[in-house]
Structure formats: C-alpha cells, structure tokens
Amino acid sequence: MDPRLFQVLHVLGAIVLVAMTFAAFAHPVEAQRRKVLSASGVASLITVIAGFGLAGLLKYGFPVWIIIKIVCWLGLSGIAGMVYRKPEKVPLFAGITVALVIVALTMVYFRPFGGSLPTVAE
C-alpha cells in the first residue's frame, strides 16, 4: 500500500481535529457539543490509525519522537471535551493546544532523539 495515502489521511485527520478543537474554543455552548465532539472523535481516530499505519509501512518502530507525538495526540483529543466542562479556561486550553501542535510538528519534521529522516527509494 502507498504510504502517501496514510500521510494524507493522517494530516487531514490532524487538521480536522485541531479545527474542531478551535471550534469548541470559539463557541462552547451545549447545543454544539455533540456535533463538535463527534467530529473531533472521528478525526482523532483517523489520525491515530493513519499514523500507526504509516509508521508500520515505513518500519519506524517506536522511536521517542513517535511516543511524544502520541502524547500530543492524546492531549489534543481530550481538550475539546474539557472546554465544554470549563469554558472559563478557554485561553489556557488554547495555549496548550498551540503548544501541543508545535511540539507534534517539531517531532515530525526534525525527528530528534535518534530518529532519522526517511529516504525515498526509487
């Protein structure tokens, strides 16, 4: 199977997950709760399945940068639900979300802690 399919699914799932989280920040009312949390849950599931599929296809194993990305994913997956319980803490949750996204992007692009960038075999 082509890893690009998993890459596209992983990135799109992550974009929708972050978008739904920021939608919860923008308007945390009970009427929108079910719709936003359902969409963020589906996006979270797509992100993690595509991420593990990609890691398996590219034979990455379990380097530290993937473990850190999993922690970021867990944090992002839970923040939208926390916003509905504590809407007064939206600025704090927004800051945490931005920090998690920056850390996840840093992990995938720089792959610190012994990760190497893959080469394209033709």
C-alpha atoms as a PDB file:
ATOM      1  CA  MET A   1       0.000   0.000   0.000  1.00  0.00           C
ATOM      2  CA  ASP A   2       1.183   3.506  -0.783  1.00  0.00           C
ATOM      3  CA  PRO A   3       2.320   5.429   2.318  1.00  0.00           C
ATOM      4  CA  ARG A   4       1.124   8.689   0.759  1.00  0.00           C
ATOM      5  CA  LEU A   5      -2.476   7.615   1.384  1.00  0.00           C
ATOM      6  CA  PHE A   6      -1.712   7.246   5.089  1.00  0.00           C
ATOM      7  CA  GLN A   7       0.139  10.576   5.077  1.00  0.00           C
ATOM      8  CA  VAL A   8      -2.836  12.389   3.571  1.00  0.00           C
ATOM      9  CA  LEU A   9      -5.291  10.739   5.981  1.00  0.00           C
ATOM     10  CA  HIS A  10      -3.031  11.472   8.945  1.00  0.00           C
ATOM     11  CA  VAL A  11      -2.585  15.142   8.057  1.00  0.00           C
ATOM     12  CA  LEU A  12      -6.257  15.688   7.192  1.00  0.00           C
ATOM     13  CA  GLY A  13      -7.355  13.988  10.397  1.00  0.00           C
ATOM     14  CA  ALA A  14      -4.983  16.157  12.418  1.00  0.00           C
ATOM     15  CA  ILE A  15      -6.192  19.331  10.691  1.00  0.00           C
ATOM     16  CA  VAL A  16      -9.839  18.476  11.370  1.00  0.00           C
ATOM     17  CA  LEU A  17      -9.008  17.545  14.979  1.00  0.00           C
ATOM     18  CA  VAL A  18      -7.347  20.912  15.596  1.00  0.00           C
ATOM     19  CA  ALA A  19     -10.136  22.734  13.722  1.00  0.00           C
ATOM     20  CA  MET A  20     -12.831  21.098  15.844  1.00  0.00           C
ATOM     21  CA  THR A  21     -10.881  21.938  18.976  1.00  0.00           C
ATOM     22  CA  PHE A  22     -10.736  25.592  17.962  1.00  0.00           C
ATOM     23  CA  ALA A  23     -14.434  25.463  17.047  1.00  0.00           C
ATOM     24  CA  ALA A  24     -15.091  24.394  20.627  1.00  0.00           C
ATOM     25  CA  PHE A  25     -12.980  27.342  21.824  1.00  0.00           C
ATOM     26  CA  ALA A  26     -14.915  29.775  19.663  1.00  0.00           C
ATOM     27  CA  HIS A  27     -18.381  28.828  20.850  1.00  0.00           C
ATOM     28  CA  PRO A  28     -18.559  26.348  23.751  1.00  0.00           C
ATOM     29  CA  VAL A  29     -22.339  26.047  24.031  1.00  0.00           C
ATOM     30  CA  GLU A  30     -24.215  22.875  24.879  1.00  0.00           C
ATOM     31  CA  ALA A  31     -26.185  22.903  21.590  1.00  0.00           C
ATOM     32  CA  GLN A  32     -22.996  22.368  19.547  1.00  0.00           C
ATOM     33  CA  ARG A  33     -21.313  19.954  21.954  1.00  0.00           C
ATOM     34  CA  ARG A  34     -22.424  16.676  20.401  1.00  0.00           C
ATOM     35  CA  LYS A  35     -21.565  17.728  16.843  1.00  0.00           C
ATOM     36  CA  VAL A  36     -18.113  19.090  17.714  1.00  0.00           C
ATOM     37  CA  LEU A  37     -17.138  16.202  19.961  1.00  0.00           C
ATOM     38  CA  SER A  38     -18.303  13.621  17.412  1.00  0.00           C
ATOM     39  CA  ALA A  39     -16.309  15.259  14.630  1.00  0.00           C
ATOM     40  CA  SER A  40     -13.216  15.588  16.804  1.00  0.00           C
ATOM     41  CA  GLY A  41     -13.520  11.948  17.879  1.00  0.00           C
ATOM     42  CA  VAL A  42     -13.736  10.687  14.304  1.00  0.00           C
ATOM     43  CA  ALA A  43     -10.831  12.925  13.282  1.00  0.00           C
ATOM     44  CA  SER A  44      -8.808  11.676  16.244  1.00  0.00           C
ATOM     45  CA  LEU A  45      -9.450   8.059  15.297  1.00  0.00           C
ATOM     46  CA  ILE A  46      -8.482   8.662  11.655  1.00  0.00           C
ATOM     47  CA  THR A  47      -5.324  10.469  12.770  1.00  0.00           C
ATOM     48  CA  VAL A  48      -4.121   7.688  15.036  1.00  0.00           C
ATOM     49  CA  ILE A  49      -4.977   4.827  12.675  1.00  0.00           C
ATOM     50  CA  ALA A  50      -3.296   6.539   9.731  1.00  0.00           C
ATOM     51  CA  GLY A  51      -0.296   7.455  11.901  1.00  0.00           C
ATOM     52  CA  PHE A  52       0.255   3.894  13.062  1.00  0.00           C
ATOM     53  CA  GLY A  53      -0.340   2.610   9.529  1.00  0.00           C
ATOM     54  CA  LEU A  54       2.275   4.996   8.207  1.00  0.00           C
ATOM     55  CA  ALA A  55       4.763   4.089  10.938  1.00  0.00           C
ATOM     56  CA  GLY A  56       4.222   0.412  10.189  1.00  0.00           C
ATOM     57  CA  LEU A  57       4.622   0.786   6.437  1.00  0.00           C
ATOM     58  CA  LEU A  58       7.794   2.826   6.796  1.00  0.00           C
ATOM     59  CA  LYS A  59       9.110   0.453   9.508  1.00  0.00           C
ATOM     60  CA  TYR A  60       9.866   3.224  12.011  1.00  0.00           C
ATOM     61  CA  GLY A  61       9.431   1.098  15.100  1.00  0.00           C
ATOM     62  CA  PHE A  62       8.815   3.119  18.264  1.00  0.00           C
ATOM     63  CA  PRO A  63      11.359   5.943  18.430  1.00  0.00           C
ATOM     64  CA  VAL A  64      10.991   8.642  21.073  1.00  0.00           C
ATOM     65  CA  TRP A  65       9.617  11.208  18.625  1.00  0.00           C
ATOM     66  CA  ILE A  66       6.637   8.940  17.835  1.00  0.00           C
ATOM     67  CA  ILE A  67       5.944   8.451  21.535  1.00  0.00           C
ATOM     68  CA  ILE A  68       5.971  12.235  22.012  1.00  0.00           C
ATOM     69  CA  LYS A  69       3.564  12.608  19.087  1.00  0.00           C
ATOM     70  CA  ILE A  70       1.234  10.061  20.715  1.00  0.00           C
ATOM     71  CA  VAL A  71       1.254  12.110  23.924  1.00  0.00           C
ATOM     72  CA  CYS A  72       0.425  15.237  21.868  1.00  0.00           C
ATOM     73  CA  TRP A  73      -2.406  13.354  20.140  1.00  0.00           C
ATOM     74  CA  LEU A  74      -3.835  12.232  23.482  1.00  0.00           C
ATOM     75  CA  GLY A  75      -3.755  15.802  24.743  1.00  0.00           C
ATOM     76  CA  LEU A  76      -5.386  17.212  21.627  1.00  0.00           C
ATOM     77  CA  SER A  77      -8.045  14.529  21.685  1.00  0.00           C
ATOM     78  CA  GLY A  78      -9.143  15.458  25.180  1.00  0.00           C
ATOM     79  CA  ILE A  79      -9.029  19.238  25.077  1.00  0.00           C
ATOM     80  CA  ALA A  80     -12.271  19.780  23.131  1.00  0.00           C
ATOM     81  CA  GLY A  81     -14.199  17.864  25.777  1.00  0.00           C
ATOM     82  CA  MET A  82     -12.539  19.821  28.585  1.00  0.00           C
ATOM     83  CA  VAL A  83     -13.616  23.108  27.015  1.00  0.00           C
ATOM     84  CA  TYR A  84     -17.283  22.220  27.466  1.00  0.00           C
ATOM     85  CA  ARG A  85     -16.736  21.402  31.145  1.00  0.00           C
ATOM     86  CA  LYS A  86     -14.650  24.510  31.929  1.00  0.00           C
ATOM     87  CA  PRO A  87     -15.455  27.206  29.329  1.00  0.00           C
ATOM     88  CA  GLU A  88     -13.876  29.893  31.511  1.00  0.00           C
ATOM     89  CA  LYS A  89     -10.443  28.328  30.874  1.00  0.00           C
ATOM     90  CA  VAL A  90     -10.544  28.645  27.066  1.00  0.00           C
ATOM     91  CA  PRO A  91      -7.385  30.842  26.920  1.00  0.00           C
ATOM     92  CA  LEU A  92      -5.415  28.241  28.879  1.00  0.00           C
ATOM     93  CA  PHE A  93      -6.692  25.391  26.708  1.00  0.00           C
ATOM     94  CA  ALA A  94      -5.930  27.380  23.540  1.00  0.00           C
ATOM     95  CA  GLY A  95      -2.355  27.916  24.677  1.00  0.00           C
ATOM     96  CA  ILE A  96      -1.937  24.239  25.491  1.00  0.00           C
ATOM     97  CA  THR A  97      -3.373  23.317  22.073  1.00  0.00           C
ATOM     98  CA  VAL A  98      -0.964  25.601  20.234  1.00  0.00           C
ATOM     99  CA  ALA A  99       1.955  24.208  22.246  1.00  0.00           C
ATOM    100  CA  LEU A 100       0.929  20.596  21.510  1.00  0.00           C
ATOM    101  CA  VAL A 101       0.629  21.317  17.793  1.00  0.00           C
ATOM    102  CA  ILE A 102       4.065  22.985  17.729  1.00  0.00           C
ATOM    103  CA  VAL A 103       5.644  20.056  19.578  1.00  0.00           C
ATOM    104  CA  ALA A 104       3.993  17.495  17.266  1.00  0.00           C
ATOM    105  CA  LEU A 105       5.132  19.373  14.151  1.00  0.00           C
ATOM    106  CA  THR A 106       8.657  19.690  15.546  1.00  0.00           C
ATOM    107  CA  MET A 107       8.774  15.957  16.198  1.00  0.00           C
ATOM    108  CA  VAL A 108       7.711  15.004  12.695  1.00  0.00           C
ATOM    109  CA  TYR A 109       9.931  17.472  10.851  1.00  0.00           C
ATOM    110  CA  PHE A 110      13.122  17.290  12.916  1.00  0.00           C
ATOM    111  CA  ARG A 111      12.794  13.814  14.468  1.00  0.00           C
ATOM    112  CA  PRO A 112      15.054  14.421  17.454  1.00  0.00           C
ATOM    113  CA  PHE A 113      16.200  11.784  19.923  1.00  0.00           C
ATOM    114  CA  GLY A 114      17.766   9.450  17.401  1.00  0.00           C
ATOM    115  CA  GLY A 115      15.178   9.490  14.625  1.00  0.00           C
ATOM    116  CA  SER A 116      16.428   9.735  11.083  1.00  0.00           C
ATOM    117  CA  LEU A 117      14.687  11.214   8.099  1.00  0.00           C
ATOM    118  CA  PRO A 118      13.495   8.583   5.638  1.00  0.00           C
ATOM    119  CA  THR A 119      14.939   8.390   2.167  1.00  0.00           C
ATOM    120  CA  VAL A 120      12.788   7.821  -0.890  1.00  0.00           C
ATOM    121  CA  ALA A 121      13.716   4.593  -2.650  1.00  0.00           C
ATOM    122  CA  GLU A 122      13.053   4.585  -6.353  1.00  0.00           C
END
